[in-house]
């Protein structure tokens, strides 16, 4: 497997396009029906498969139809706290919670109860 950081953008787009083409063919879907299902033009599907990915929206639509949106799951998941971060969060919440009152009851300022 190539180190993705060492690849040019064009190479990455080309590999993504080839993968989408492969997925489409394995699912026995024509480019035309993929375009219709994704609500994009046929030329957009052809461009994506050729590695000419200009529209993230079109890429998302194609991946949704092919059932491969899960590749973006790590980008939308909330990050989990490390044990140390969790400990700090809990302790800071406990430190800020009130332990006791500081004022005294003023007997002259009683509110009239509606009860």
N, C-alpha and C. Protein backbone atom coordinates (compact mmCIF):
# COMPACT_ATOMS: atom_id res chain seq x y z
N UNK A 1 0.84 -1.18 0.00
CA UNK A 1 0.00 0.00 0.00
C UNK A 1 0.88 1.24 0.00
N UNK A 2 0.53 2.20 -0.83
CA UNK A 2 1.29 3.44 -0.93
C UNK A 2 1.00 4.35 0.27
N UNK A 3 2.01 5.12 0.67
CA UNK A 3 1.78 6.14 1.67
C UNK A 3 1.03 7.27 0.98
N UNK A 4 -0.20 7.51 1.40
CA UNK A 4 -1.06 8.47 0.71
C UNK A 4 -0.47 9.88 0.71
N UNK A 5 0.34 10.21 1.70
CA UNK A 5 0.95 11.54 1.78
C UNK A 5 2.06 11.73 0.75
N UNK A 6 2.55 10.64 0.23
CA UNK A 6 3.60 10.72 -0.79
C UNK A 6 3.03 10.81 -2.20
N UNK A 7 1.72 10.60 -2.35
CA UNK A 7 1.08 10.62 -3.66
C UNK A 7 0.63 12.03 -4.02
N UNK A 8 0.66 12.32 -5.31
CA UNK A 8 0.14 13.61 -5.77
C UNK A 8 -1.38 13.57 -5.75
N UNK A 9 -2.01 14.74 -5.78
CA UNK A 9 -3.47 14.81 -5.81
C UNK A 9 -4.03 14.09 -7.02
N UNK A 10 -3.38 14.26 -8.17
CA UNK A 10 -3.84 13.61 -9.40
C UNK A 10 -3.80 12.09 -9.27
N UNK A 11 -2.78 11.57 -8.63
CA UNK A 11 -2.67 10.12 -8.44
C UNK A 11 -3.77 9.62 -7.51
N UNK A 12 -4.02 10.37 -6.46
CA UNK A 12 -5.09 9.98 -5.52
C UNK A 12 -6.43 9.99 -6.24
N UNK A 13 -6.71 11.05 -7.01
CA UNK A 13 -7.97 11.12 -7.75
C UNK A 13 -8.09 9.95 -8.73
N UNK A 14 -6.99 9.63 -9.39
CA UNK A 14 -6.98 8.53 -10.35
C UNK A 14 -7.29 7.20 -9.65
N UNK A 15 -6.69 6.98 -8.49
CA UNK A 15 -6.94 5.73 -7.75
C UNK A 15 -8.39 5.66 -7.25
N UNK A 16 -8.93 6.79 -6.80
CA UNK A 16 -10.32 6.82 -6.36
C UNK A 16 -11.26 6.53 -7.53
N UNK A 17 -10.97 7.15 -8.67
CA UNK A 17 -11.78 6.92 -9.87
C UNK A 17 -11.76 5.47 -10.31
N UNK A 18 -10.59 4.86 -10.28
CA UNK A 18 -10.47 3.45 -10.67
C UNK A 18 -11.23 2.56 -9.70
N UNK A 19 -11.17 2.90 -8.42
CA UNK A 19 -11.89 2.12 -7.40
C UNK A 19 -13.40 2.24 -7.61
N UNK A 20 -13.88 3.43 -7.91
CA UNK A 20 -15.31 3.63 -8.17
C UNK A 20 -15.74 2.86 -9.40
N UNK A 21 -14.92 2.90 -10.44
CA UNK A 21 -15.21 2.14 -11.66
C UNK A 21 -15.31 0.65 -11.35
N UNK A 22 -14.38 0.15 -10.57
CA UNK A 22 -14.36 -1.26 -10.18
C UNK A 22 -15.60 -1.62 -9.37
N UNK A 23 -15.96 -0.77 -8.40
CA UNK A 23 -17.15 -1.01 -7.59
C UNK A 23 -18.42 -1.04 -8.45
N UNK A 24 -18.51 -0.11 -9.38
CA UNK A 24 -19.68 -0.04 -10.25
C UNK A 24 -19.80 -1.29 -11.09
N UNK A 25 -18.70 -1.74 -11.65
CA UNK A 25 -18.72 -2.94 -12.49
C UNK A 25 -19.03 -4.19 -11.68
N UNK A 26 -18.48 -4.29 -10.46
CA UNK A 26 -18.78 -5.44 -9.61
C UNK A 26 -20.25 -5.50 -9.22
N UNK A 27 -20.88 -4.34 -9.12
CA UNK A 27 -22.30 -4.29 -8.79
C UNK A 27 -23.18 -4.34 -10.04
N UNK A 28 -22.53 -4.48 -11.21
CA UNK A 28 -23.22 -4.61 -12.49
C UNK A 28 -24.15 -3.43 -12.76
N UNK A 29 -23.61 -2.22 -12.55
CA UNK A 29 -24.37 -0.98 -12.77
C UNK A 29 -23.73 -0.25 -13.94
N UNK A 30 -24.56 0.21 -14.87
CA UNK A 30 -24.03 0.98 -15.99
C UNK A 30 -23.73 2.40 -15.52
N UNK A 31 -22.88 3.09 -16.27
CA UNK A 31 -22.58 4.47 -15.94
C UNK A 31 -23.85 5.33 -16.01
N UNK A 32 -24.68 5.04 -16.97
CA UNK A 32 -25.92 5.81 -17.14
C UNK A 32 -26.85 5.62 -15.94
N UNK A 33 -27.03 4.38 -15.49
CA UNK A 33 -27.93 4.16 -14.36
C UNK A 33 -27.33 4.71 -13.06
N UNK A 34 -26.02 4.67 -12.93
CA UNK A 34 -25.36 5.28 -11.76
C UNK A 34 -25.60 6.79 -11.77
N UNK A 35 -25.45 7.39 -12.92
CA UNK A 35 -25.68 8.84 -13.04
C UNK A 35 -27.12 9.20 -12.68
N UNK A 36 -28.07 8.41 -13.16
CA UNK A 36 -29.48 8.67 -12.86
C UNK A 36 -29.76 8.50 -11.37
N UNK A 37 -29.24 7.43 -10.78
CA UNK A 37 -29.48 7.17 -9.37
C UNK A 37 -28.82 8.22 -8.48
N UNK A 38 -27.68 8.72 -8.90
CA UNK A 38 -26.95 9.74 -8.13
C UNK A 38 -27.43 11.15 -8.45
N UNK A 39 -28.30 11.26 -9.44
CA UNK A 39 -28.83 12.55 -9.88
C UNK A 39 -27.71 13.50 -10.33
N UNK A 40 -26.78 12.94 -11.12
CA UNK A 40 -25.72 13.73 -11.74
C UNK A 40 -25.68 13.36 -13.21
N UNK A 41 -24.90 14.09 -13.97
CA UNK A 41 -24.83 13.81 -15.41
C UNK A 41 -23.95 12.60 -15.69
N UNK A 42 -24.18 12.01 -16.85
CA UNK A 42 -23.38 10.87 -17.29
C UNK A 42 -21.91 11.30 -17.45
N UNK A 43 -21.71 12.51 -17.96
CA UNK A 43 -20.33 12.99 -18.13
C UNK A 43 -19.63 13.14 -16.78
N UNK A 44 -20.38 13.49 -15.75
CA UNK A 44 -19.77 13.60 -14.41
C UNK A 44 -19.30 12.24 -13.92
N UNK A 45 -20.10 11.20 -14.15
CA UNK A 45 -19.69 9.84 -13.76
C UNK A 45 -18.43 9.45 -14.52
N UNK A 46 -18.41 9.71 -15.81
CA UNK A 46 -17.24 9.36 -16.62
C UNK A 46 -16.00 10.11 -16.12
N UNK A 47 -16.16 11.39 -15.80
CA UNK A 47 -15.02 12.17 -15.30
C UNK A 47 -14.52 11.64 -13.97
N UNK A 48 -15.46 11.32 -13.07
CA UNK A 48 -15.06 10.78 -11.76
C UNK A 48 -14.28 9.49 -11.94
N UNK A 49 -14.77 8.61 -12.80
CA UNK A 49 -14.08 7.34 -13.01
C UNK A 49 -12.73 7.51 -13.70
N UNK A 50 -12.56 8.62 -14.41
CA UNK A 50 -11.27 8.92 -15.04
C UNK A 50 -10.33 9.69 -14.10
N UNK A 51 -10.78 9.93 -12.88
CA UNK A 51 -9.94 10.62 -11.91
C UNK A 51 -10.04 12.13 -11.97
N UNK A 52 -11.03 12.64 -12.68
CA UNK A 52 -11.23 14.08 -12.77
C UNK A 52 -12.33 14.48 -11.78
N UNK A 53 -12.02 14.42 -10.50
CA UNK A 53 -13.00 14.69 -9.46
C UNK A 53 -12.93 16.17 -9.11
N UNK A 54 -13.91 16.90 -9.57
CA UNK A 54 -13.97 18.35 -9.33
C UNK A 54 -15.04 18.71 -8.32
N UNK A 55 -16.05 17.86 -8.17
CA UNK A 55 -17.18 18.17 -7.29
C UNK A 55 -17.28 17.14 -6.18
N UNK A 56 -17.10 17.60 -4.95
CA UNK A 56 -17.22 16.72 -3.80
C UNK A 56 -18.67 16.22 -3.68
N UNK A 57 -19.62 17.08 -4.02
CA UNK A 57 -21.03 16.71 -3.97
C UNK A 57 -21.31 15.53 -4.89
N UNK A 58 -20.79 15.57 -6.10
CA UNK A 58 -20.99 14.47 -7.05
C UNK A 58 -20.33 13.19 -6.54
N UNK A 59 -19.15 13.31 -5.98
CA UNK A 59 -18.45 12.15 -5.42
C UNK A 59 -19.27 11.52 -4.30
N UNK A 60 -19.83 12.35 -3.40
CA UNK A 60 -20.67 11.84 -2.32
C UNK A 60 -21.89 11.11 -2.86
N UNK A 61 -22.51 11.67 -3.87
CA UNK A 61 -23.71 11.06 -4.45
C UNK A 61 -23.40 9.70 -5.05
N UNK A 62 -22.27 9.61 -5.75
CA UNK A 62 -21.87 8.34 -6.36
C UNK A 62 -21.56 7.31 -5.28
N UNK A 63 -20.81 7.71 -4.27
CA UNK A 63 -20.47 6.78 -3.19
C UNK A 63 -21.70 6.33 -2.42
N UNK A 64 -22.69 7.21 -2.28
CA UNK A 64 -23.93 6.84 -1.61
C UNK A 64 -24.66 5.75 -2.40
N UNK A 65 -24.75 5.93 -3.70
CA UNK A 65 -25.43 4.94 -4.55
C UNK A 65 -24.68 3.61 -4.51
N UNK A 66 -23.36 3.66 -4.49
CA UNK A 66 -22.55 2.43 -4.48
C UNK A 66 -22.45 1.81 -3.08
N UNK A 67 -23.02 2.48 -2.08
CA UNK A 67 -22.99 1.95 -0.72
C UNK A 67 -21.63 2.05 -0.05
N UNK A 68 -20.88 3.08 -0.38
CA UNK A 68 -19.53 3.23 0.16
C UNK A 68 -19.30 4.55 0.89
N UNK A 69 -20.36 5.13 1.43
CA UNK A 69 -20.19 6.37 2.19
C UNK A 69 -19.43 6.15 3.49
N UNK A 70 -19.35 4.90 3.92
CA UNK A 70 -18.67 4.60 5.18
C UNK A 70 -17.20 4.99 5.17
N UNK A 71 -16.62 5.25 4.02
CA UNK A 71 -15.22 5.69 3.99
C UNK A 71 -15.05 7.05 4.66
N UNK A 72 -16.14 7.80 4.79
CA UNK A 72 -16.08 9.11 5.44
C UNK A 72 -16.46 9.05 6.92
N UNK A 73 -16.79 7.88 7.43
CA UNK A 73 -17.22 7.73 8.82
C UNK A 73 -16.22 8.30 9.83
N UNK A 74 -14.93 8.03 9.66
CA UNK A 74 -13.98 8.60 10.64
C UNK A 74 -13.96 10.13 10.66
N UNK A 75 -14.34 10.74 9.56
CA UNK A 75 -14.34 12.20 9.51
C UNK A 75 -15.53 12.81 10.24
N UNK A 76 -16.62 12.08 10.37
CA UNK A 76 -17.81 12.64 11.00
C UNK A 76 -18.04 12.13 12.42
N UNK A 77 -17.30 11.11 12.84
CA UNK A 77 -17.43 10.59 14.20
C UNK A 77 -16.87 11.59 15.20
N UNK A 78 -17.51 11.67 16.36
CA UNK A 78 -16.97 12.48 17.44
C UNK A 78 -15.71 11.80 17.96
N UNK A 79 -14.74 12.60 18.29
CA UNK A 79 -13.50 12.03 18.81
C UNK A 79 -13.71 11.57 20.24
N UNK A 80 -13.16 10.42 20.56
CA UNK A 80 -13.26 9.89 21.91
C UNK A 80 -12.20 10.54 22.78
N UNK A 81 -12.56 10.73 24.04
CA UNK A 81 -11.61 11.32 24.98
C UNK A 81 -10.64 10.25 25.46
N UNK A 82 -9.40 10.64 25.64
CA UNK A 82 -8.43 9.73 26.25
C UNK A 82 -8.76 9.62 27.73
N UNK A 83 -8.27 8.60 28.41
CA UNK A 83 -8.55 8.49 29.85
C UNK A 83 -8.13 9.73 30.63
N UNK A 84 -7.01 10.30 30.27
CA UNK A 84 -6.54 11.51 30.95
C UNK A 84 -7.46 12.70 30.71
N UNK A 85 -7.92 12.87 29.46
CA UNK A 85 -8.85 13.95 29.14
C UNK A 85 -10.18 13.76 29.86
N UNK A 86 -10.63 12.52 29.93
CA UNK A 86 -11.89 12.21 30.63
C UNK A 86 -11.76 12.54 32.12
N UNK A 87 -10.64 12.16 32.72
CA UNK A 87 -10.39 12.44 34.14
C UNK A 87 -10.41 13.95 34.40
N UNK A 88 -9.75 14.71 33.53
CA UNK A 88 -9.71 16.16 33.68
C UNK A 88 -11.11 16.76 33.53
N UNK A 89 -11.88 16.27 32.59
CA UNK A 89 -13.24 16.76 32.38
C UNK A 89 -14.11 16.52 33.60
N UNK A 90 -14.06 15.34 34.14
CA UNK A 90 -14.85 14.99 35.33
C UNK A 90 -14.40 15.83 36.53
N UNK A 91 -13.11 15.95 36.73
CA UNK A 91 -12.60 16.73 37.87
C UNK A 91 -12.94 18.20 37.75
N UNK A 92 -12.87 18.76 36.56
CA UNK A 92 -13.21 20.18 36.40
C UNK A 92 -14.69 20.40 36.65
N UNK A 93 -15.53 19.46 36.27
CA UNK A 93 -16.96 19.58 36.52
C UNK A 93 -17.25 19.49 38.02
N UNK A 94 -16.52 18.63 38.70
CA UNK A 94 -16.73 18.48 40.14
C UNK A 94 -16.23 19.69 40.91
N UNK A 95 -15.15 20.29 40.47
CA UNK A 95 -14.61 21.45 41.16
C UNK A 95 -15.56 22.64 41.06
N UNK A 96 -16.28 22.75 39.97
CA UNK A 96 -17.15 23.89 39.76
C UNK A 96 -18.52 23.71 40.42
N UNK A 97 -18.83 22.50 40.85
CA UNK A 97 -20.14 22.29 41.48
C UNK A 97 -20.14 22.90 42.88
N UNK A 98 -21.26 23.43 43.23
CA UNK A 98 -21.38 24.14 44.51
C UNK A 98 -21.47 23.14 45.65
N UNK A 99 -20.71 23.38 46.69
CA UNK A 99 -20.68 22.48 47.84
C UNK A 99 -21.59 22.97 48.97
N UNK A 100 -21.62 24.29 49.20
CA UNK A 100 -22.45 24.83 50.29
C UNK A 100 -22.82 26.27 49.97
N UNK A 101 -23.82 26.73 50.66
CA UNK A 101 -24.29 28.11 50.50
C UNK A 101 -23.40 29.05 51.31
N UNK A 102 -23.31 30.29 50.90
CA UNK A 102 -22.50 31.27 51.62
C UNK A 102 -23.34 32.36 52.27
N UNK A 103 -24.56 32.51 51.86
CA UNK A 103 -25.41 33.57 52.40
C UNK A 103 -26.22 33.10 53.60
N UNK A 104 -26.81 34.08 54.29
CA UNK A 104 -27.66 33.78 55.43
C UNK A 104 -29.10 34.09 55.06
N UNK A 105 -30.01 33.44 55.73
CA UNK A 105 -31.42 33.65 55.50
C UNK A 105 -31.83 35.00 56.07
N UNK A 106 -32.44 35.81 55.25
CA UNK A 106 -32.92 37.11 55.68
C UNK A 106 -34.39 36.95 56.05
N UNK A 107 -34.68 37.04 57.33
CA UNK A 107 -36.04 36.80 57.82
C UNK A 107 -37.00 37.91 57.42
N UNK A 108 -36.50 39.08 57.15
CA UNK A 108 -37.35 40.22 56.79
C UNK A 108 -37.81 40.16 55.34
N UNK A 109 -37.15 39.44 54.50
CA UNK A 109 -37.47 39.40 53.08
C UNK A 109 -38.17 38.11 52.70
N UNK A 110 -39.12 37.69 53.47
CA UNK A 110 -39.86 36.47 53.11
C UNK A 110 -40.85 36.80 52.03
N UNK A 111 -40.93 35.92 51.06
CA UNK A 111 -41.92 36.09 50.01
C UNK A 111 -43.23 35.49 50.47
N UNK A 112 -44.30 36.09 50.03
CA UNK A 112 -45.61 35.56 50.38
C UNK A 112 -45.86 34.32 49.53
N UNK A 113 -46.24 33.27 50.16
CA UNK A 113 -46.49 32.01 49.47
C UNK A 113 -47.88 32.01 48.87
N UNK A 114 -47.98 31.47 47.69
CA UNK A 114 -49.28 31.35 47.04
C UNK A 114 -49.99 30.08 47.48
N UNK A 115 -49.38 29.32 48.29
CA UNK A 115 -49.96 28.04 48.72
C UNK A 115 -50.96 28.29 49.76
